[in-house]
Amino acid sequence: MNGNSVVCHRGDTLLAALLASGLRSFRRSIVSNEPRAPCCNTGVCFDCMVTVNGTSYIRACMIDAEPGMAVETGDKTDG
């Protein structure tokens, strides 16, 4: 995640792995620049969007964490 390794369990979603690693902010509001965190864990809020292996706009709550994933968040100041 953002160049750091994250340890997770088989079956964890990417969101669960990132939250367990201490990440709290995934992006910043385009209106206020305040940090945004995921709130639904069901793919509805779109606040857990990340870039995975170069593909943007991936909802971290909708995919399983896999070894070797390169994950970038939109807010590299937290986590």
PDB file of N, CA and C in Angstrom:
ATOM      1  N   MET A   1       0.839  -1.170   0.000  1.00  0.00           N
ATOM      2  CA  MET A   1       0.000   0.000   0.000  1.00  0.00           C
ATOM      3  C   MET A   1       0.886   1.235   0.000  1.00  0.00           C
ATOM      4  N   ASN A   2       0.745   2.042  -1.024  1.00  0.00           N
ATOM      5  CA  ASN A   2       1.553   3.260  -1.113  1.00  0.00           C
ATOM      6  C   ASN A   2       3.035   2.965  -0.878  1.00  0.00           C
ATOM      7  N   GLY A   3       3.486   1.811  -1.385  1.00  0.00           N
ATOM      8  CA  GLY A   3       4.890   1.429  -1.281  1.00  0.00           C
ATOM      9  C   GLY A   3       5.251   0.633  -0.042  1.00  0.00           C
ATOM     10  N   ASN A   4       4.295   0.395   0.852  1.00  0.00           N
ATOM     11  CA  ASN A   4       4.542  -0.364   2.082  1.00  0.00           C
ATOM     12  C   ASN A   4       3.859  -1.723   2.014  1.00  0.00           C
ATOM     13  N   SER A   5       4.427  -2.709   2.687  1.00  0.00           N
ATOM     14  CA  SER A   5       3.818  -4.039   2.746  1.00  0.00           C
ATOM     15  C   SER A   5       2.710  -4.075   3.784  1.00  0.00           C
ATOM     16  N   VAL A   6       1.684  -4.862   3.494  1.00  0.00           N
ATOM     17  CA  VAL A   6       0.557  -5.048   4.404  1.00  0.00           C
ATOM     18  C   VAL A   6       0.337  -6.547   4.563  1.00  0.00           C
ATOM     19  N   VAL A   7       0.160  -6.997   5.790  1.00  0.00           N
ATOM     20  CA  VAL A   7      -0.105  -8.408   6.064  1.00  0.00           C
ATOM     21  C   VAL A   7      -1.607  -8.584   6.265  1.00  0.00           C
ATOM     22  N   CYS A   8      -2.163  -9.645   5.676  1.00  0.00           N
ATOM     23  CA  CYS A   8      -3.591  -9.899   5.842  1.00  0.00           C
ATOM     24  C   CYS A   8      -3.845 -11.395   5.878  1.00  0.00           C
ATOM     25  N   HIS A   9      -5.098 -11.758   6.050  1.00  0.00           N
ATOM     26  CA  HIS A   9      -5.513 -13.158   6.114  1.00  0.00           C
ATOM     27  C   HIS A   9      -6.205 -13.556   4.819  1.00  0.00           C
ATOM     28  N   ARG A  10      -6.091 -14.822   4.463  1.00  0.00           N
ATOM     29  CA  ARG A  10      -6.786 -15.337   3.283  1.00  0.00           C
ATOM     30  C   ARG A  10      -8.284 -15.052   3.437  1.00  0.00           C
ATOM     31  N   GLY A  11      -8.887 -14.532   2.390  1.00  0.00           N
ATOM     32  CA  GLY A  11     -10.311 -14.221   2.416  1.00  0.00           C
ATOM     33  C   GLY A  11     -10.627 -12.791   2.801  1.00  0.00           C
ATOM     34  N   ASP A  12      -9.624 -12.032   3.265  1.00  0.00           N
ATOM     35  CA  ASP A  12      -9.844 -10.615   3.581  1.00  0.00           C
ATOM     36  C   ASP A  12     -10.123  -9.838   2.309  1.00  0.00           C
ATOM     37  N   THR A  13     -11.048  -8.898   2.391  1.00  0.00           N
ATOM     38  CA  THR A  13     -11.167  -7.954   1.284  1.00  0.00           C
ATOM     39  C   THR A  13      -9.967  -7.022   1.347  1.00  0.00           C
ATOM     40  N   LEU A  14      -9.710  -6.357   0.257  1.00  0.00           N
ATOM     41  CA  LEU A  14      -8.626  -5.383   0.252  1.00  0.00           C
ATOM     42  C   LEU A  14      -8.917  -4.292   1.270  1.00  0.00           C
ATOM     43  N   LEU A  15     -10.166  -3.882   1.388  1.00  0.00           N
ATOM     44  CA  LEU A  15     -10.533  -2.864   2.370  1.00  0.00           C
ATOM     45  C   LEU A  15     -10.206  -3.331   3.787  1.00  0.00           C
ATOM     46  N   ALA A  16     -10.572  -4.555   4.133  1.00  0.00           N
ATOM     47  CA  ALA A  16     -10.290  -5.075   5.476  1.00  0.00           C
ATOM     48  C   ALA A  16      -8.791  -5.076   5.751  1.00  0.00           C
ATOM     49  N   ALA A  17      -8.012  -5.485   4.770  1.00  0.00           N
ATOM     50  CA  ALA A  17      -6.559  -5.516   4.941  1.00  0.00           C
ATOM     51  C   ALA A  17      -5.997  -4.112   5.142  1.00  0.00           C
ATOM     52  N   LEU A  18      -6.481  -3.154   4.378  1.00  0.00           N
ATOM     53  CA  LEU A  18      -5.982  -1.783   4.491  1.00  0.00           C
ATOM     54  C   LEU A  18      -6.385  -1.158   5.822  1.00  0.00           C
ATOM     55  N   LEU A  19      -7.622  -1.376   6.246  1.00  0.00           N
ATOM     56  CA  LEU A  19      -8.056  -0.844   7.538  1.00  0.00           C
ATOM     57  C   LEU A  19      -7.279  -1.490   8.682  1.00  0.00           C
ATOM     58  N   ALA A  20      -7.052  -2.805   8.606  1.00  0.00           N
ATOM     59  CA  ALA A  20      -6.292  -3.503   9.647  1.00  0.00           C
ATOM     60  C   ALA A  20      -4.850  -3.007   9.723  1.00  0.00           C
ATOM     61  N   SER A  21      -4.333  -2.509   8.602  1.00  0.00           N
ATOM     62  CA  SER A  21      -2.960  -1.999   8.585  1.00  0.00           C
ATOM     63  C   SER A  21      -2.853  -0.606   9.197  1.00  0.00           C
ATOM     64  N   GLY A  22      -4.002   0.010   9.487  1.00  0.00           N
ATOM     65  CA  GLY A  22      -3.990   1.337  10.095  1.00  0.00           C
ATOM     66  C   GLY A  22      -4.421   2.461   9.176  1.00  0.00           C
ATOM     67  N   LEU A  23      -4.675   2.168   7.910  1.00  0.00           N
ATOM     68  CA  LEU A  23      -5.107   3.212   6.981  1.00  0.00           C
ATOM     69  C   LEU A  23      -6.488   3.707   7.386  1.00  0.00           C
ATOM     70  N   ARG A  24      -6.659   4.990   7.480  1.00  0.00           N
ATOM     71  CA  ARG A  24      -7.944   5.571   7.857  1.00  0.00           C
ATOM     72  C   ARG A  24      -8.520   6.480   6.777  1.00  0.00           C
ATOM     73  N   SER A  25      -7.690   7.045   5.953  1.00  0.00           N
ATOM     74  CA  SER A  25      -8.150   7.964   4.913  1.00  0.00           C
ATOM     75  C   SER A  25      -7.740   7.417   3.556  1.00  0.00           C
ATOM     76  N   PHE A  26      -8.697   7.288   2.660  1.00  0.00           N
ATOM     77  CA  PHE A  26      -8.414   6.734   1.339  1.00  0.00           C
ATOM     78  C   PHE A  26      -8.284   7.817   0.280  1.00  0.00           C
ATOM     79  N   ARG A  27      -8.904   8.953   0.515  1.00  0.00           N
ATOM     80  CA  ARG A  27      -8.847  10.050  -0.446  1.00  0.00           C
ATOM     81  C   ARG A  27      -9.205  11.338   0.283  1.00  0.00           C
ATOM     82  N   ARG A  28      -9.169  12.445  -0.442  1.00  0.00           N
ATOM     83  CA  ARG A  28      -9.560  13.732   0.133  1.00  0.00           C
ATOM     84  C   ARG A  28     -10.759  14.282  -0.624  1.00  0.00           C
ATOM     85  N   SER A  29     -11.610  14.974   0.090  1.00  0.00           N
ATOM     86  CA  SER A  29     -12.791  15.581  -0.511  1.00  0.00           C
ATOM     87  C   SER A  29     -12.374  16.613  -1.550  1.00  0.00           C
ATOM     88  N   ILE A  30     -13.033  16.603  -2.699  1.00  0.00           N
ATOM     89  CA  ILE A  30     -12.714  17.605  -3.719  1.00  0.00           C
ATOM     90  C   ILE A  30     -13.280  18.966  -3.345  1.00  0.00           C
ATOM     91  N   VAL A  31     -14.208  19.011  -2.392  1.00  0.00           N
ATOM     92  CA  VAL A  31     -14.811  20.268  -1.962  1.00  0.00           C
ATOM     93  C   VAL A  31     -14.012  20.911  -0.832  1.00  0.00           C
ATOM     94  N   SER A  32     -13.739  20.140   0.228  1.00  0.00           N
ATOM     95  CA  SER A  32     -13.120  20.714   1.423  1.00  0.00           C
ATOM     96  C   SER A  32     -11.675  20.281   1.652  1.00  0.00           C
ATOM     97  N   ASN A  33     -11.191  19.318   0.873  1.00  0.00           N
ATOM     98  CA  ASN A  33      -9.864  18.738   1.034  1.00  0.00           C
ATOM     99  C   ASN A  33      -9.712  17.974   2.355  1.00  0.00           C
ATOM    100  N   GLU A  34     -10.818  17.691   3.024  1.00  0.00           N
ATOM    101  CA  GLU A  34     -10.792  16.902   4.252  1.00  0.00           C
ATOM    102  C   GLU A  34     -10.596  15.425   3.909  1.00  0.00           C
ATOM    103  N   PRO A  35      -9.938  14.667   4.785  1.00  0.00           N
ATOM    104  CA  PRO A  35      -9.768  13.235   4.539  1.00  0.00           C
ATOM    105  C   PRO A  35     -11.114  12.512   4.505  1.00  0.00           C
ATOM    106  N   ARG A  36     -11.224  11.525   3.625  1.00  0.00           N
ATOM    107  CA  ARG A  36     -12.438  10.713   3.503  1.00  0.00           C
ATOM    108  C   ARG A  36     -12.092   9.264   3.811  1.00  0.00           C
ATOM    109  N   ALA A  37     -12.961   8.606   4.536  1.00  0.00           N
ATOM    110  CA  ALA A  37     -12.779   7.195   4.869  1.00  0.00           C
ATOM    111  C   ALA A  37     -13.990   6.412   4.382  1.00  0.00           C
ATOM    112  N   PRO A  38     -13.813   5.132   4.087  1.00  0.00           N
ATOM    113  CA  PRO A  38     -14.949   4.323   3.649  1.00  0.00           C
ATOM    114  C   PRO A  38     -15.973   4.187   4.768  1.00  0.00           C
ATOM    115  N   CYS A  39     -17.246   4.100   4.396  1.00  0.00           N
ATOM    116  CA  CYS A  39     -18.265   4.022   5.444  1.00  0.00           C
ATOM    117  C   CYS A  39     -19.284   2.911   5.243  1.00  0.00           C
ATOM    118  N   CYS A  40     -19.364   2.284   4.070  1.00  0.00           N
ATOM    119  CA  CYS A  40     -20.451   1.324   3.863  1.00  0.00           C
ATOM    120  C   CYS A  40     -19.990  -0.130   3.813  1.00  0.00           C
ATOM    121  N   ASN A  41     -18.805  -0.393   3.298  1.00  0.00           N
ATOM    122  CA  ASN A  41     -18.261  -1.745   3.145  1.00  0.00           C
ATOM    123  C   ASN A  41     -19.130  -2.627   2.245  1.00  0.00           C
ATOM    124  N   THR A  42     -19.908  -2.000   1.366  1.00  0.00           N
ATOM    125  CA  THR A  42     -20.772  -2.756   0.455  1.00  0.00           C
ATOM    126  C   THR A  42     -20.660  -2.285  -0.991  1.00  0.00           C
ATOM    127  N   GLY A  43     -19.754  -1.355  -1.277  1.00  0.00           N
ATOM    128  CA  GLY A  43     -19.572  -0.881  -2.643  1.00  0.00           C
ATOM    129  C   GLY A  43     -20.454   0.278  -3.039  1.00  0.00           C
ATOM    130  N   VAL A  44     -21.204   0.840  -2.099  1.00  0.00           N
ATOM    131  CA  VAL A  44     -22.151   1.900  -2.416  1.00  0.00           C
ATOM    132  C   VAL A  44     -21.539   3.299  -2.297  1.00  0.00           C
ATOM    133  N   CYS A  45     -20.711   3.535  -1.286  1.00  0.00           N
ATOM    134  CA  CYS A  45     -20.244   4.904  -1.008  1.00  0.00           C
ATOM    135  C   CYS A  45     -19.085   5.349  -1.900  1.00  0.00           C
ATOM    136  N   PHE A  46     -18.345   4.430  -2.476  1.00  0.00           N
ATOM    137  CA  PHE A  46     -17.209   4.721  -3.353  1.00  0.00           C
ATOM    138  C   PHE A  46     -16.084   5.486  -2.653  1.00  0.00           C
ATOM    139  N   ASP A  47     -16.070   5.510  -1.328  1.00  0.00           N
ATOM    140  CA  ASP A  47     -15.005   6.210  -0.608  1.00  0.00           C
ATOM    141  C   ASP A  47     -13.772   5.343  -0.372  1.00  0.00           C
ATOM    142  N   CYS A  48     -13.806   4.089  -0.819  1.00  0.00           N
ATOM    143  CA  CYS A  48     -12.639   3.213  -0.657  1.00  0.00           C
ATOM    144  C   CYS A  48     -11.920   3.000  -1.992  1.00  0.00           C
ATOM    145  N   MET A  49     -12.102   3.920  -2.932  1.00  0.00           N
ATOM    146  CA  MET A  49     -11.488   3.780  -4.252  1.00  0.00           C
ATOM    147  C   MET A  49      -9.968   3.826  -4.147  1.00  0.00           C
ATOM    148  N   VAL A  50      -9.335   2.868  -4.811  1.00  0.00           N
ATOM    149  CA  VAL A  50      -7.880   2.774  -4.843  1.00  0.00           C
ATOM    150  C   VAL A  50      -7.440   2.426  -6.261  1.00  0.00           C
ATOM    151  N   THR A  51      -6.148   2.505  -6.492  1.00  0.00           N
ATOM    152  CA  THR A  51      -5.554   2.027  -7.737  1.00  0.00           C
ATOM    153  C   THR A  51      -4.842   0.725  -7.417  1.00  0.00           C
ATOM    154  N   VAL A  52      -5.162  -0.328  -8.162  1.00  0.00           N
ATOM    155  CA  VAL A  52      -4.578  -1.651  -7.933  1.00  0.00           C
ATOM    156  C   VAL A  52      -3.846  -2.091  -9.191  1.00  0.00           C
ATOM    157  N   ASN A  53      -2.546  -2.321  -9.046  1.00  0.00           N
ATOM    158  CA  ASN A  53      -1.715  -2.764 -10.173  1.00  0.00           C
ATOM    159  C   ASN A  53      -1.896  -1.869 -11.399  1.00  0.00           C
ATOM    160  N   GLY A  54      -2.018  -0.556 -11.152  1.00  0.00           N
ATOM    161  CA  GLY A  54      -2.125   0.409 -12.234  1.00  0.00           C
ATOM    162  C   GLY A  54      -3.531   0.666 -12.732  1.00  0.00           C
ATOM    163  N   THR A  55      -4.526  -0.072 -12.243  1.00  0.00           N
ATOM    164  CA  THR A  55      -5.914   0.135 -12.650  1.00  0.00           C
ATOM    165  C   THR A  55      -6.615   0.995 -11.608  1.00  0.00           C
ATOM    166  N   SER A  56      -7.103   2.156 -12.034  1.00  0.00           N
ATOM    167  CA  SER A  56      -7.751   3.101 -11.122  1.00  0.00           C
ATOM    168  C   SER A  56      -9.215   2.754 -10.887  1.00  0.00           C
ATOM    169  N   TYR A  57      -9.792   3.423  -9.903  1.00  0.00           N
ATOM    170  CA  TYR A  57     -11.225   3.353  -9.601  1.00  0.00           C
ATOM    171  C   TYR A  57     -11.684   1.958  -9.178  1.00  0.00           C
ATOM    172  N   ILE A  58     -10.870   1.284  -8.376  1.00  0.00           N
ATOM    173  CA  ILE A  58     -11.222  -0.022  -7.829  1.00  0.00           C
ATOM    174  C   ILE A  58     -11.780   0.188  -6.420  1.00  0.00           C
ATOM    175  N   ARG A  59     -12.945  -0.368  -6.135  1.00  0.00           N
ATOM    176  CA  ARG A  59     -13.511  -0.296  -4.787  1.00  0.00           C
ATOM    177  C   ARG A  59     -12.874  -1.403  -3.948  1.00  0.00           C
ATOM    178  N   ALA A  60     -12.105  -0.995  -2.942  1.00  0.00           N
ATOM    179  CA  ALA A  60     -11.344  -1.945  -2.126  1.00  0.00           C
ATOM    180  C   ALA A  60     -12.244  -2.911  -1.365  1.00  0.00           C
ATOM    181  N   CYS A  61     -13.480  -2.527  -1.120  1.00  0.00           N
ATOM    182  CA  CYS A  61     -14.395  -3.413  -0.387  1.00  0.00           C
ATOM    183  C   CYS A  61     -14.962  -4.517  -1.269  1.00  0.00           C
ATOM    184  N   MET A  62     -14.756  -4.426  -2.572  1.00  0.00           N
ATOM    185  CA  MET A  62     -15.375  -5.370  -3.501  1.00  0.00           C
ATOM    186  C   MET A  62     -14.412  -6.423  -4.044  1.00  0.00           C
ATOM    187  N   ILE A  63     -13.126  -6.368  -3.655  1.00  0.00           N
ATOM    188  CA  ILE A  63     -12.170  -7.361  -4.155  1.00  0.00           C
ATOM    189  C   ILE A  63     -11.380  -7.960  -2.997  1.00  0.00           C
ATOM    190  N   ASP A  64     -10.940  -9.183  -3.196  1.00  0.00           N
ATOM    191  CA  ASP A  64     -10.116  -9.852  -2.189  1.00  0.00           C
ATOM    192  C   ASP A  64      -8.676  -9.370  -2.279  1.00  0.00           C
ATOM    193  N   ALA A  65      -8.032  -9.280  -1.131  1.00  0.00           N
ATOM    194  CA  ALA A  65      -6.602  -8.969  -1.091  1.00  0.00           C
ATOM    195  C   ALA A  65      -5.836 -10.175  -1.622  1.00  0.00           C
ATOM    196  N   GLU A  66      -4.817  -9.910  -2.413  1.00  0.00           N
ATOM    197  CA  GLU A  66      -3.991 -10.974  -2.980  1.00  0.00           C
ATOM    198  C   GLU A  66      -2.520 -10.627  -2.810  1.00  0.00           C
ATOM    199  N   PRO A  67      -1.666 -11.639  -2.676  1.00  0.00           N
ATOM    200  CA  PRO A  67      -0.232 -11.380  -2.546  1.00  0.00           C
ATOM    201  C   PRO A  67       0.302 -10.608  -3.750  1.00  0.00           C
ATOM    202  N   GLY A  68       1.154  -9.643  -3.479  1.00  0.00           N
ATOM    203  CA  GLY A  68       1.824  -8.910  -4.543  1.00  0.00           C
ATOM    204  C   GLY A  68       1.054  -7.759  -5.144  1.00  0.00           C
ATOM    205  N   MET A  69      -0.143  -7.469  -4.640  1.00  0.00           N
ATOM    206  CA  MET A  69      -0.909  -6.335  -5.172  1.00  0.00           C
ATOM    207  C   MET A  69      -0.148  -5.040  -4.927  1.00  0.00           C
ATOM    208  N   ALA A  70      -0.119  -4.173  -5.926  1.00  0.00           N
ATOM    209  CA  ALA A  70       0.428  -2.825  -5.757  1.00  0.00           C
ATOM    210  C   ALA A  70      -0.767  -1.894  -5.611  1.00  0.00           C
ATOM    211  N   VAL A  71      -0.966  -1.361  -4.414  1.00  0.00           N
ATOM    212  CA  VAL A  71      -2.145  -0.557  -4.106  1.00  0.00           C
ATOM    213  C   VAL A  71      -1.728   0.867  -3.789  1.00  0.00           C
ATOM    214  N   GLU A  72      -2.370   1.813  -4.443  1.00  0.00           N
ATOM    215  CA  GLU A  72      -2.149   3.237  -4.169  1.00  0.00           C
ATOM    216  C   GLU A  72      -3.477   3.863  -3.775  1.00  0.00           C
ATOM    217  N   THR A  73      -3.464   4.618  -2.689  1.00  0.00           N
ATOM    218  CA  THR A  73      -4.664   5.345  -2.289  1.00  0.00           C
ATOM    219  C   THR A  73      -4.575   6.764  -2.818  1.00  0.00           C
ATOM    220  N   GLY A  74      -5.686   7.476  -2.752  1.00  0.00           N
ATOM    221  CA  GLY A  74      -5.707   8.859  -3.204  1.00  0.00           C
ATOM    222  C   GLY A  74      -5.204   9.823  -2.156  1.00  0.00           C
ATOM    223  N   ASP A  75      -4.946   9.326  -0.951  1.00  0.00           N
ATOM    224  CA  ASP A  75      -4.475  10.172   0.147  1.00  0.00           C
ATOM    225  C   ASP A  75      -3.267   9.508   0.780  1.00  0.00           C
ATOM    226  N   LYS A  76      -2.095   9.866   0.329  1.00  0.00           N
ATOM    227  CA  LYS A  76      -0.873   9.212   0.793  1.00  0.00           C
ATOM    228  C   LYS A  76      -0.339   9.813   2.092  1.00  0.00           C
ATOM    229  N   THR A  77      -1.116  10.695   2.736  1.00  0.00           N
ATOM    230  CA  THR A  77      -0.653  11.315   3.971  1.00  0.00           C
ATOM    231  C   THR A  77      -1.053  10.519   5.197  1.00  0.00           C
ATOM    232  N   ASP A  78      -1.971   9.551   5.057  1.00  0.00           N
ATOM    233  CA  ASP A  78      -2.462   8.779   6.200  1.00  0.00           C
ATOM    234  C   ASP A  78      -2.264   7.310   5.919  1.00  0.00           C
ATOM    235  N   GLY A  79      -1.391   6.657   6.649  1.00  0.00           N
ATOM    236  CA  GLY A  79      -1.148   5.235   6.460  1.00  0.00           C
ATOM    237  C   GLY A  79       0.035   5.071   5.605  1.00  0.00           C
TER     238      GLY A  79
END
